[in-house]
C-alpha atoms as a PDB file:
ATOM      1  CA  MET A   1      33.585  55.444  65.114  1.00  0.00           C
ATOM      2  CA  GLY A   2      36.996  54.936  65.961  1.00  0.00           C
ATOM      3  CA  GLY A   3      36.284  51.303  67.440  1.00  0.00           C
ATOM      4  CA  TRP A   4      33.845  53.115  70.024  1.00  0.00           C
ATOM      5  CA  ASP A   5      30.433  52.333  70.267  1.00  0.00           C
ATOM      6  CA  PHE A   6      28.894  55.561  71.510  1.00  0.00           C
ATOM      7  CA  VAL A   7      30.120  58.661  72.882  1.00  0.00           C
ATOM      8  CA  ALA A   8      28.526  60.061  75.903  1.00  0.00           C
ATOM      9  CA  THR A   9      28.233  63.916  75.682  1.00  0.00           C
ATOM     10  CA  ALA A  10      27.642  66.050  79.187  1.00  0.00           C
ATOM     11  CA  HIS A  11      24.539  68.262  78.066  1.00  0.00           C
ATOM     12  CA  SER A  12      23.150  69.316  80.506  1.00  0.00           C
ATOM     13  CA  THR A  13      19.590  70.443  81.983  1.00  0.00           C
ATOM     14  CA  ASP A  14      20.545  74.030  81.069  1.00  0.00           C
ATOM     15  CA  ASP A  15      21.420  72.951  77.539  1.00  0.00           C
ATOM     16  CA  GLN A  16      18.464  71.907  77.287  1.00  0.00           C
ATOM     17  CA  ALA A  17      16.336  74.765  78.915  1.00  0.00           C
ATOM     18  CA  GLU A  18      18.289  76.962  76.196  1.00  0.00           C
ATOM     19  CA  THR A  19      17.426  74.878  72.859  1.00  0.00           C
ATOM     20  CA  LEU A  20      13.658  74.701  73.973  1.00  0.00           C
ATOM     21  CA  LEU A  21      13.858  78.723  73.922  1.00  0.00           C
ATOM     22  CA  LEU A  22      15.346  78.710  71.026  1.00  0.00           C
ATOM     23  CA  ARG A  23      13.198  76.876  69.324  1.00  0.00           C
ATOM     24  CA  ILE A  24      10.390  78.211  70.550  1.00  0.00           C
ATOM     25  CA  ALA A  25      11.343  81.490  69.366  1.00  0.00           C
ATOM     26  CA  ARG A  26      12.034  79.941  65.835  1.00  0.00           C
ATOM     27  CA  GLY A  27       8.347  79.101  66.348  1.00  0.00           C
ATOM     28  CA  THR A  28       8.705  75.576  66.389  1.00  0.00           C
ATOM     29  CA  GLY A  29       6.154  72.240  66.265  1.00  0.00           C
ATOM     30  CA  ILE A  30       5.732  70.029  68.988  1.00  0.00           C
ATOM     31  CA  ASN A  31       8.365  67.445  67.770  1.00  0.00           C
ATOM     32  CA  GLY A  32      10.654  70.721  68.675  1.00  0.00           C
ATOM     33  CA  LEU A  33       9.770  70.744  72.214  1.00  0.00           C
ATOM     34  CA  ARG A  34      11.266  67.251  72.888  1.00  0.00           C
ATOM     35  CA  GLY A  35      14.498  69.472  72.581  1.00  0.00           C
ATOM     36  CA  ILE A  36      17.874  67.712  72.700  1.00  0.00           C
ATOM     37  CA  LEU A  37      17.317  64.002  73.214  1.00  0.00           C
ATOM     38  CA  ARG A  38      18.946  61.280  75.339  1.00  0.00           C
ATOM     39  CA  SER A  39      20.374  58.984  73.004  1.00  0.00           C
ATOM     40  CA  SER A  40      21.001  59.327  69.183  1.00  0.00           C
ATOM     41  CA  PRO A  41      22.819  57.230  66.327  1.00  0.00           C
ATOM     42  CA  GLY A  42      26.236  56.808  68.371  1.00  0.00           C
ATOM     43  CA  ILE A  43      25.838  59.597  71.036  1.00  0.00           C
ATOM     44  CA  ILE A  44      24.150  59.442  74.401  1.00  0.00           C
ATOM     45  CA  ARG A  45      23.527  62.150  76.674  1.00  0.00           C
ATOM     46  CA  PRO A  46      23.438  60.692  80.501  1.00  0.00           C
ATOM     47  CA  CYS A  47      23.322  64.330  82.213  1.00  0.00           C
ATOM     48  CA  LEU A  48      20.574  66.343  80.752  1.00  0.00           C
ATOM     49  CA  GLY A  49      18.498  65.998  83.953  1.00  0.00           C
ATOM     50  CA  MET A  50      21.415  67.230  85.591  1.00  0.00           C
ATOM     51  CA  ARG A  51      22.358  71.373  85.843  1.00  0.00           C
ATOM     52  CA  ALA A  52      25.574  72.204  84.946  1.00  0.00           C
ATOM     53  CA  SER A  53      26.735  73.532  88.270  1.00  0.00           C
ATOM     54  CA  GLU A  54      25.786  70.056  89.318  1.00  0.00           C
ATOM     55  CA  LEU A  55      28.161  68.746  86.709  1.00  0.00           C
ATOM     56  CA  ARG A  56      31.044  70.632  87.107  1.00  0.00           C
ATOM     57  CA  ALA A  57      30.776  70.115  91.084  1.00  0.00           C
ATOM     58  CA  ALA A  58      30.738  66.598  90.411  1.00  0.00           C
ATOM     59  CA  ALA A  59      33.582  66.114  88.240  1.00  0.00           C
ATOM     60  CA  ALA A  60      35.791  68.386  90.550  1.00  0.00           C
ATOM     61  CA  GLU A  61      34.655  66.036  93.311  1.00  0.00           C
ATOM     62  CA  CYS A  62      36.090  62.972  91.184  1.00  0.00           C
ATOM     63  CA  GLY A  63      39.206  65.193  90.359  1.00  0.00           C
ATOM     64  CA  ILE A  64      38.480  65.835  86.680  1.00  0.00           C
ATOM     65  CA  PRO A  65      39.518  68.953  85.211  1.00  0.00           C
ATOM     66  CA  TYR A  66      36.975  71.269  83.877  1.00  0.00           C
ATOM     67  CA  VAL A  67      37.317  72.748  80.623  1.00  0.00           C
ATOM     68  CA  GLU A  68      35.267  75.404  79.181  1.00  0.00           C
ATOM     69  CA  ASP A  69      35.905  75.944  74.801  1.00  0.00           C
ATOM     70  CA  SER A  70      36.833  79.822  75.190  1.00  0.00           C
ATOM     71  CA  SER A  71      34.267  80.528  72.377  1.00  0.00           C
ATOM     72  CA  ASN A  72      31.107  80.157  75.090  1.00  0.00           C
ATOM     73  CA  LYS A  73      32.152  83.239  76.311  1.00  0.00           C
ATOM     74  CA  ASP A  74      32.004  85.030  72.889  1.00  0.00           C
ATOM     75  CA  PRO A  75      28.973  87.588  72.467  1.00  0.00           C
ATOM     76  CA  ARG A  76      28.256  87.450  68.655  1.00  0.00           C
ATOM     77  CA  PHE A  77      26.937  83.292  68.936  1.00  0.00           C
ATOM     78  CA  LEU A  78      23.595  83.645  69.983  1.00  0.00           C
ATOM     79  CA  ARG A  79      23.329  80.760  72.508  1.00  0.00           C
ATOM     80  CA  ASN A  80      25.495  82.418  74.288  1.00  0.00           C
ATOM     81  CA  ARG A  81      23.844  85.781  74.657  1.00  0.00           C
ATOM     82  CA  LEU A  82      20.765  83.552  75.439  1.00  0.00           C
ATOM     83  CA  ARG A  83      22.631  81.284  77.802  1.00  0.00           C
ATOM     84  CA  ASN A  84      24.403  84.628  79.810  1.00  0.00           C
ATOM     85  CA  GLU A  85      22.454  87.347  79.688  1.00  0.00           C
ATOM     86  CA  ALA A  86      18.639  85.787  79.292  1.00  0.00           C
ATOM     87  CA  MET A  87      18.544  82.746  81.204  1.00  0.00           C
ATOM     88  CA  GLN A  88      20.064  84.942  84.248  1.00  0.00           C
ATOM     89  CA  ALA A  89      17.412  87.551  83.986  1.00  0.00           C
ATOM     90  CA  LEU A  90      14.951  84.838  83.634  1.00  0.00           C
ATOM     91  CA  GLU A  91      15.620  82.449  86.213  1.00  0.00           C
ATOM     92  CA  LYS A  92      15.842  85.463  88.317  1.00  0.00           C
ATOM     93  CA  ALA A  93      12.472  87.052  87.188  1.00  0.00           C
ATOM     94  CA  LEU A  94      11.239  83.479  87.129  1.00  0.00           C
ATOM     95  CA  PRO A  95      13.009  81.340  89.656  1.00  0.00           C
ATOM     96  CA  GLY A  96      12.924  77.510  88.543  1.00  0.00           C
ATOM     97  CA  VAL A  97      12.431  78.313  84.541  1.00  0.00           C
ATOM     98  CA  THR A  98      15.543  76.014  83.784  1.00  0.00           C
ATOM     99  CA  ASP A  99      13.849  72.825  85.804  1.00  0.00           C
ATOM    100  CA  GLY A 100      10.172  73.627  84.013  1.00  0.00           C
ATOM    101  CA  LEU A 101      11.290  73.752  80.627  1.00  0.00           C
ATOM    102  CA  MET A 102      13.327  70.432  81.047  1.00  0.00           C
ATOM    103  CA  LYS A 103       9.721  69.027  82.736  1.00  0.00           C
ATOM    104  CA  LEU A 104       8.332  70.586  79.524  1.00  0.00           C
ATOM    105  CA  SER A 105      10.408  68.469  76.709  1.00  0.00           C
ATOM    106  CA  ARG A 106      10.329  65.067  79.242  1.00  0.00           C
ATOM    107  CA  ASN A 107       6.225  65.627  79.264  1.00  0.00           C
ATOM    108  CA  VAL A 108       5.940  66.139  75.537  1.00  0.00           C
ATOM    109  CA  LEU A 109       8.469  63.077  75.026  1.00  0.00           C
ATOM    110  CA  LEU A 110       5.859  61.116  77.332  1.00  0.00           C
ATOM    111  CA  GLU A 111       3.128  61.640  75.235  1.00  0.00           C
ATOM    112  CA  ASP A 112       4.925  60.731  72.361  1.00  0.00           C
ATOM    113  CA  LYS A 113       6.065  57.662  73.381  1.00  0.00           C
ATOM    114  CA  LYS A 114       3.598  54.221  73.239  1.00  0.00           C
ATOM    115  CA  VAL A 115       3.671  52.996  76.887  1.00  0.00           C
ATOM    116  CA  PRO A 116       2.389  49.577  77.546  1.00  0.00           C
ATOM    117  CA  SER A 117      -0.714  49.172  79.861  1.00  0.00           C
ATOM    118  CA  VAL A 118       0.732  47.496  83.442  1.00  0.00           C
ATOM    119  CA  ALA A 119      -2.572  48.286  85.289  1.00  0.00           C
ATOM    120  CA  LYS A 120      -5.062  45.756  86.198  1.00  0.00           C
ATOM    121  CA  GLU A 121      -8.870  46.577  86.324  1.00  0.00           C
ATOM    122  CA  GLU A 122     -10.547  45.049  89.858  1.00  0.00           C
ATOM    123  CA  GLY A 123     -13.621  46.449  90.506  1.00  0.00           C
ATOM    124  CA  ASN A 124     -13.935  50.089  89.868  1.00  0.00           C
ATOM    125  CA  SER A 125     -10.010  50.562  90.402  1.00  0.00           C
ATOM    126  CA  LEU A 126      -6.431  50.447  88.395  1.00  0.00           C
ATOM    127  CA  TYR A 127      -4.067  48.127  90.210  1.00  0.00           C
ATOM    128  CA  TYR A 128      -0.287  48.371  89.470  1.00  0.00           C
ATOM    129  CA  SER A 129       1.961  45.877  90.727  1.00  0.00           C
ATOM    130  CA  LEU A 130       5.098  46.704  91.579  1.00  0.00           C
ATOM    131  CA  SER A 131       6.939  43.825  89.739  1.00  0.00           C
ATOM    132  CA  ALA A 132       5.254  45.575  86.639  1.00  0.00           C
ATOM    133  CA  LEU A 133       6.028  49.516  87.563  1.00  0.00           C
ATOM    134  CA  ALA A 134       9.845  47.769  87.987  1.00  0.00           C
ATOM    135  CA  LEU A 135      10.202  47.411  84.431  1.00  0.00           C
ATOM    136  CA  LEU A 136       9.373  51.126  83.681  1.00  0.00           C
ATOM    137  CA  GLU A 137      11.665  53.967  83.871  1.00  0.00           C
ATOM    138  CA  LYS A 138      10.326  56.509  86.073  1.00  0.00           C
ATOM    139  CA  GLY A 139       9.050  59.225  82.901  1.00  0.00           C
ATOM    140  CA  GLU A 140       7.110  55.113  81.684  1.00  0.00           C
ATOM    141  CA  ALA A 141       6.030  55.214  84.949  1.00  0.00           C
ATOM    142  CA  VAL A 142       4.207  58.197  85.180  1.00  0.00           C
ATOM    143  CA  ALA A 143       2.699  57.604  81.620  1.00  0.00           C
ATOM    144  CA  ALA A 144       1.258  54.203  83.066  1.00  0.00           C
ATOM    145  CA  PHE A 145      -0.439  56.283  85.088  1.00  0.00           C
ATOM    146  CA  LYS A 146      -1.737  59.001  83.419  1.00  0.00           C
ATOM    147  CA  LEU A 147      -3.117  56.016  80.703  1.00  0.00           C
ATOM    148  CA  GLY A 148      -4.977  54.786  83.844  1.00  0.00           C
ATOM    149  CA  ILE A 149      -6.444  58.472  85.047  1.00  0.00           C
ATOM    150  CA  ARG A 150      -7.106  59.358  81.542  1.00  0.00           C
ATOM    151  CA  ALA A 151      -9.426  55.848  81.622  1.00  0.00           C
ATOM    152  CA  MET A 152     -10.949  56.715  85.097  1.00  0.00           C
ATOM    153  CA  LYS A 153     -11.087  60.519  84.366  1.00  0.00           C
ATOM    154  CA  GLY A 154     -11.533  60.920  80.447  1.00  0.00           C
ATOM    155  CA  ASP A 155      -9.040  63.305  80.915  1.00  0.00           C
ATOM    156  CA  LEU A 156      -6.172  65.057  82.407  1.00  0.00           C
ATOM    157  CA  ARG A 157      -7.420  68.136  82.829  1.00  0.00           C
ATOM    158  CA  GLY A 158      -6.383  69.278  86.871  1.00  0.00           C
ATOM    159  CA  LEU A 159      -2.914  67.396  86.582  1.00  0.00           C
ATOM    160  CA  THR A 160       0.519  69.190  87.518  1.00  0.00           C
ATOM    161  CA  CYS A 161       4.005  68.237  87.421  1.00  0.00           C
ATOM    162  CA  ARG A 162       3.778  67.566  91.142  1.00  0.00           C
ATOM    163  CA  HIS A 163       0.791  65.152  90.734  1.00  0.00           C
ATOM    164  CA  TYR A 164       2.922  63.391  88.869  1.00  0.00           C
ATOM    165  CA  ASP A 165       5.751  63.631  91.263  1.00  0.00           C
ATOM    166  CA  ALA A 166       3.786  62.122  93.939  1.00  0.00           C
ATOM    167  CA  LEU A 167       2.927  59.597  91.850  1.00  0.00           C
ATOM    168  CA  ALA A 168       6.280  58.264  90.875  1.00  0.00           C
ATOM    169  CA  ALA A 169       7.457  58.557  94.441  1.00  0.00           C
ATOM    170  CA  LEU A 170       4.643  55.977  95.956  1.00  0.00           C
ATOM    171  CA  ILE A 171       6.184  53.228  94.335  1.00  0.00           C
ATOM    172  CA  GLY A 172       9.202  53.623  96.550  1.00  0.00           C
ATOM    173  CA  SER A 173       6.830  54.552  99.976  1.00  0.00           C
ATOM    174  CA  SER A 174       5.409  52.624 102.479  1.00  0.00           C
ATOM    175  CA  ARG A 175       2.043  51.066 102.371  1.00  0.00           C
ATOM    176  CA  GLY A 176      -0.343  53.189 103.204  1.00  0.00           C
ATOM    177  CA  ALA A 177       1.124  56.522 101.465  1.00  0.00           C
ATOM    178  CA  TRP A 178      -1.818  57.951  99.107  1.00  0.00           C
ATOM    179  CA  VAL A 179      -2.201  61.127  96.573  1.00  0.00           C
ATOM    180  CA  PRO A 180      -5.506  62.956  96.239  1.00  0.00           C
ATOM    181  CA  LEU A 181      -5.740  63.387  92.729  1.00  0.00           C
ATOM    182  CA  PRO A 182      -8.254  65.943  90.817  1.00  0.00           C
ATOM    183  CA  ALA A 183     -12.281  64.555  90.296  1.00  0.00           C
ATOM    184  CA  GLY A 184     -12.201  62.760  93.232  1.00  0.00           C
ATOM    185  CA  LEU A 185      -9.667  60.038  92.336  1.00  0.00           C
ATOM    186  CA  MET A 186      -6.808  58.890  95.000  1.00  0.00           C
ATOM    187  CA  ALA A 187      -3.378  56.750  94.591  1.00  0.00           C
ATOM    188  CA  GLU A 188      -2.650  54.433  97.165  1.00  0.00           C
ATOM    189  CA  ARG A 189       0.494  52.582  98.183  1.00  0.00           C
ATOM    190  CA  GLU A 190      -0.480  49.093  98.913  1.00  0.00           C
ATOM    191  CA  GLU A 191       1.232  46.158 100.449  1.00  0.00           C
ATOM    192  CA  ARG A 192       2.669  44.749  96.483  1.00  0.00           C
ATOM    193  CA  GLY A 193       1.294  47.758  94.398  1.00  0.00           C
ATOM    194  CA  VAL A 194      -0.122  51.653  93.667  1.00  0.00           C
ATOM    195  CA  ARG A 195      -3.899  51.227  93.645  1.00  0.00           C
ATOM    196  CA  LEU A 196      -5.885  53.888  91.750  1.00  0.00           C
ATOM    197  CA  LYS A 197      -9.355  54.363  92.190  1.00  0.00           C
ATOM    198  CA  ARG A 198     -11.971  56.922  93.657  1.00  0.00           C
ATOM    199  CA  ARG A 199     -12.878  58.686  96.766  1.00  0.00           C
ATOM    200  CA  LYS A 200     -16.393  57.969  96.044  1.00  0.00           C
ATOM    201  CA  ARG A 201     -17.547  54.906  94.572  1.00  0.00           C
ATOM    202  CA  GLU A 202     -17.742  55.140  91.296  1.00  0.00           C
ATOM    203  CA  ALA A 203     -17.718  52.807  88.067  1.00  0.00           C
ATOM    204  CA  LEU A 204     -15.115  53.041  85.508  1.00  0.00           C
ATOM    205  CA  ARG A 205     -16.141  55.034  82.856  1.00  0.00           C
END
């Protein structure tokens, strides 16, 4: 490939949201909800977590000329009509829908991903050491917490993206920070790790 190991593209969160909506409209299955992958043979997409406006601002700050394909404005293309008309209407009616679709793709990927259990059972709790969590990406760490919650609770009902974001934030929090979870569970930041436990003493299922 021209002597290059890979090509990096500037696909953004906006591109991901558009792709998911197009696939949903066509009746995609679970695999289709994974959306645009962060990497594929010869290609990496490091900017998927950024909005298109953020990318343009970053390019301007770095003095990098922003070039847009003239065909992006052509309404004959379905994606252009979605981007220039439908997405704007959706964001107005449902603020945050673009970021929500990005979270959807991440959640599908996490469910599809085999994540090693890094928790240690200690009495009626599960302990995640910081050294073990440090080996995981944020999404993988969240998936590891989900495994622990499922082990203690039996399912993930009642858990939302806010819970998962708060659990991930605990890793970098100070000792004593904690997150309340459904079914009487909680996660607490300790000196060298995060402990998942019950607010009332109950045995692990």
